[in-house]
């Protein structure tokens, strides 16, 4: 994604998600902004009332990292 944005050569903002894996098993997702900020978005070890399937969602990271990048 970052390589594509660099090739476009126009101002771009936003974020994408990346799988987090441990011992070959997906355990969560990280947020990565196009300007390089990142943090955990959801993980099996996060205790949260907000869940997507087996993953607890770290809402504060979405608010702090993803939302400002849009």
N, C-alpha and C. Protein backbone atom coordinates (compact mmCIF):
# COMPACT_ATOMS: atom_id res chain seq x y z
N UNK A 1 0.83 -1.18 0.00
CA UNK A 1 0.00 0.00 0.00
C UNK A 1 0.87 1.25 0.00
N UNK A 2 1.86 1.28 0.88
CA UNK A 2 2.71 2.46 0.99
C UNK A 2 3.46 2.72 -0.32
N UNK A 3 3.90 1.67 -0.99
CA UNK A 3 4.61 1.83 -2.27
C UNK A 3 3.69 2.44 -3.33
N UNK A 4 2.44 2.02 -3.35
CA UNK A 4 1.48 2.57 -4.31
C UNK A 4 1.28 4.06 -4.05
N UNK A 5 1.11 4.43 -2.79
CA UNK A 5 0.92 5.84 -2.43
C UNK A 5 2.13 6.66 -2.86
N UNK A 6 3.32 6.13 -2.65
CA UNK A 6 4.54 6.85 -3.05
C UNK A 6 4.59 7.04 -4.57
N UNK A 7 4.14 6.06 -5.32
CA UNK A 7 4.17 6.16 -6.78
C UNK A 7 3.15 7.16 -7.31
N UNK A 8 2.02 7.31 -6.63
CA UNK A 8 0.99 8.24 -7.06
C UNK A 8 1.53 9.67 -7.05
N UNK A 9 2.38 9.96 -6.09
CA UNK A 9 3.01 11.28 -5.97
C UNK A 9 1.99 12.40 -5.77
N UNK A 10 0.94 12.11 -5.03
CA UNK A 10 -0.06 13.09 -4.63
C UNK A 10 -0.26 12.96 -3.13
N UNK A 11 -0.71 14.01 -2.47
CA UNK A 11 -0.96 13.90 -1.03
C UNK A 11 -2.03 12.84 -0.75
N UNK A 12 -1.75 11.93 0.15
CA UNK A 12 -2.68 10.88 0.53
C UNK A 12 -2.72 10.75 2.04
N UNK A 13 -3.89 10.45 2.55
CA UNK A 13 -4.04 10.18 3.98
C UNK A 13 -4.85 8.91 4.13
N UNK A 14 -4.84 8.36 5.32
CA UNK A 14 -5.63 7.17 5.58
C UNK A 14 -4.85 6.13 6.36
N UNK A 15 -5.41 4.94 6.42
CA UNK A 15 -4.78 3.85 7.16
C UNK A 15 -5.16 2.53 6.52
N UNK A 16 -4.43 1.50 6.90
CA UNK A 16 -4.79 0.14 6.53
C UNK A 16 -4.54 -0.73 7.74
N UNK A 17 -5.00 -1.98 7.68
CA UNK A 17 -4.78 -2.90 8.79
C UNK A 17 -3.83 -3.99 8.34
N UNK A 18 -3.15 -4.54 9.32
CA UNK A 18 -2.17 -5.60 9.05
C UNK A 18 -2.42 -6.72 10.06
N UNK A 19 -2.37 -7.96 9.58
CA UNK A 19 -2.52 -9.11 10.48
C UNK A 19 -1.37 -9.16 11.48
N UNK A 20 -1.70 -9.57 12.69
CA UNK A 20 -0.68 -9.86 13.70
C UNK A 20 -0.70 -11.37 13.89
N UNK A 21 0.46 -12.00 13.79
CA UNK A 21 0.55 -13.46 13.91
C UNK A 21 1.57 -13.85 14.96
N UNK A 22 1.24 -14.90 15.67
CA UNK A 22 2.15 -15.51 16.63
C UNK A 22 2.13 -17.01 16.40
N UNK A 23 3.30 -17.58 16.19
CA UNK A 23 3.44 -19.02 15.93
C UNK A 23 2.49 -19.51 14.83
N UNK A 24 2.37 -18.71 13.77
CA UNK A 24 1.55 -19.10 12.63
C UNK A 24 0.06 -18.88 12.78
N UNK A 25 -0.37 -18.36 13.92
CA UNK A 25 -1.79 -18.16 14.19
C UNK A 25 -2.10 -16.67 14.23
N UNK A 26 -3.18 -16.27 13.56
CA UNK A 26 -3.59 -14.87 13.61
C UNK A 26 -4.14 -14.56 15.00
N UNK A 27 -3.58 -13.53 15.63
CA UNK A 27 -3.99 -13.17 16.98
C UNK A 27 -4.58 -11.76 17.05
N UNK A 28 -4.52 -11.03 15.94
CA UNK A 28 -5.08 -9.69 15.97
C UNK A 28 -4.77 -8.91 14.72
N UNK A 29 -5.04 -7.60 14.82
CA UNK A 29 -4.81 -6.69 13.71
C UNK A 29 -4.22 -5.39 14.23
N UNK A 30 -3.29 -4.84 13.47
CA UNK A 30 -2.75 -3.53 13.82
C UNK A 30 -3.26 -2.50 12.82
N UNK A 31 -3.27 -1.24 13.26
CA UNK A 31 -3.60 -0.10 12.41
C UNK A 31 -2.27 0.49 11.96
N UNK A 32 -2.15 0.81 10.68
CA UNK A 32 -0.96 1.47 10.17
C UNK A 32 -1.43 2.65 9.31
N UNK A 33 -1.02 3.86 9.69
CA UNK A 33 -1.41 5.03 8.89
C UNK A 33 -0.41 5.22 7.76
N UNK A 34 -0.83 5.95 6.75
CA UNK A 34 0.05 6.18 5.61
C UNK A 34 1.24 7.05 5.97
N UNK A 35 1.16 7.77 7.11
CA UNK A 35 2.33 8.54 7.55
C UNK A 35 3.17 7.78 8.57
N UNK A 36 2.85 6.48 8.79
CA UNK A 36 3.72 5.62 9.58
C UNK A 36 3.34 5.38 11.03
N UNK A 37 2.28 6.03 11.52
CA UNK A 37 1.88 5.74 12.91
C UNK A 37 1.20 4.38 12.95
N UNK A 38 1.33 3.69 14.08
CA UNK A 38 0.70 2.38 14.19
C UNK A 38 0.36 2.03 15.62
N UNK A 39 -0.53 1.07 15.75
CA UNK A 39 -0.94 0.58 17.06
C UNK A 39 -1.84 -0.63 16.89
N UNK A 40 -2.10 -1.30 17.98
CA UNK A 40 -2.97 -2.49 17.96
C UNK A 40 -4.42 -2.04 17.85
N UNK A 41 -5.15 -2.63 16.91
CA UNK A 41 -6.57 -2.32 16.75
C UNK A 41 -7.43 -3.37 17.45
N UNK A 42 -7.06 -4.64 17.30
CA UNK A 42 -7.83 -5.72 17.91
C UNK A 42 -6.89 -6.90 18.17
N UNK A 43 -7.16 -7.61 19.26
CA UNK A 43 -6.27 -8.72 19.63
C UNK A 43 -7.05 -9.70 20.49
N UNK A 44 -6.68 -10.97 20.41
CA UNK A 44 -7.37 -11.99 21.21
C UNK A 44 -7.18 -11.77 22.71
N UNK A 45 -6.09 -11.13 23.12
CA UNK A 45 -5.82 -10.92 24.54
C UNK A 45 -6.40 -9.62 25.10
N UNK A 46 -7.02 -8.81 24.26
CA UNK A 46 -7.61 -7.55 24.74
C UNK A 46 -8.98 -7.83 25.33
N UNK A 47 -9.16 -7.36 26.54
CA UNK A 47 -10.47 -7.46 27.18
C UNK A 47 -11.20 -6.15 26.90
N UNK A 48 -12.31 -6.25 26.22
CA UNK A 48 -13.07 -5.07 25.83
C UNK A 48 -14.52 -5.46 25.64
N UNK A 49 -15.41 -4.55 25.93
CA UNK A 49 -16.82 -4.84 25.66
C UNK A 49 -17.10 -4.78 24.17
N UNK A 50 -16.16 -4.18 23.42
CA UNK A 50 -16.27 -4.11 21.96
C UNK A 50 -15.47 -5.26 21.36
N UNK A 51 -16.17 -6.13 20.64
CA UNK A 51 -15.53 -7.32 20.10
C UNK A 51 -15.94 -7.53 18.66
N UNK A 52 -15.03 -8.10 17.91
CA UNK A 52 -15.32 -8.58 16.56
C UNK A 52 -14.85 -10.02 16.55
N UNK A 53 -15.81 -10.93 16.59
CA UNK A 53 -15.47 -12.34 16.70
C UNK A 53 -14.69 -12.59 17.97
N UNK A 54 -13.53 -13.20 17.85
CA UNK A 54 -12.72 -13.53 19.03
C UNK A 54 -11.80 -12.39 19.48
N UNK A 55 -11.84 -11.26 18.78
CA UNK A 55 -10.90 -10.17 19.04
C UNK A 55 -11.53 -9.06 19.86
N UNK A 56 -10.84 -8.67 20.93
CA UNK A 56 -11.24 -7.48 21.66
C UNK A 56 -10.69 -6.26 20.93
N UNK A 57 -11.51 -5.22 20.82
CA UNK A 57 -11.14 -4.03 20.05
C UNK A 57 -10.63 -2.94 20.98
N UNK A 58 -9.50 -2.35 20.62
CA UNK A 58 -8.91 -1.25 21.38
C UNK A 58 -9.39 0.06 20.77
N UNK A 59 -10.58 0.48 21.19
CA UNK A 59 -11.26 1.64 20.62
C UNK A 59 -10.40 2.90 20.72
N UNK A 60 -9.68 3.06 21.82
CA UNK A 60 -8.87 4.28 21.97
C UNK A 60 -7.80 4.38 20.88
N UNK A 61 -7.27 3.27 20.38
CA UNK A 61 -6.29 3.33 19.29
C UNK A 61 -6.96 3.69 17.97
N UNK A 62 -8.18 3.25 17.78
CA UNK A 62 -8.91 3.66 16.57
C UNK A 62 -9.14 5.17 16.62
N UNK A 63 -9.58 5.66 17.79
CA UNK A 63 -9.82 7.11 17.94
C UNK A 63 -8.54 7.92 17.83
N UNK A 64 -7.45 7.42 18.36
CA UNK A 64 -6.19 8.18 18.44
C UNK A 64 -5.36 8.08 17.16
N UNK A 65 -5.46 6.95 16.45
CA UNK A 65 -4.60 6.72 15.29
C UNK A 65 -5.38 6.74 13.97
N UNK A 66 -6.41 5.91 13.87
CA UNK A 66 -7.12 5.76 12.59
C UNK A 66 -7.96 6.99 12.23
N UNK A 67 -8.79 7.43 13.16
CA UNK A 67 -9.72 8.53 12.85
C UNK A 67 -9.00 9.80 12.39
N UNK A 68 -7.95 10.27 13.09
CA UNK A 68 -7.28 11.48 12.62
C UNK A 68 -6.62 11.33 11.24
N UNK A 69 -6.36 10.11 10.81
CA UNK A 69 -5.70 9.91 9.52
C UNK A 69 -6.68 9.96 8.35
N UNK A 70 -7.98 10.01 8.65
CA UNK A 70 -8.98 10.02 7.56
C UNK A 70 -9.29 11.43 7.10
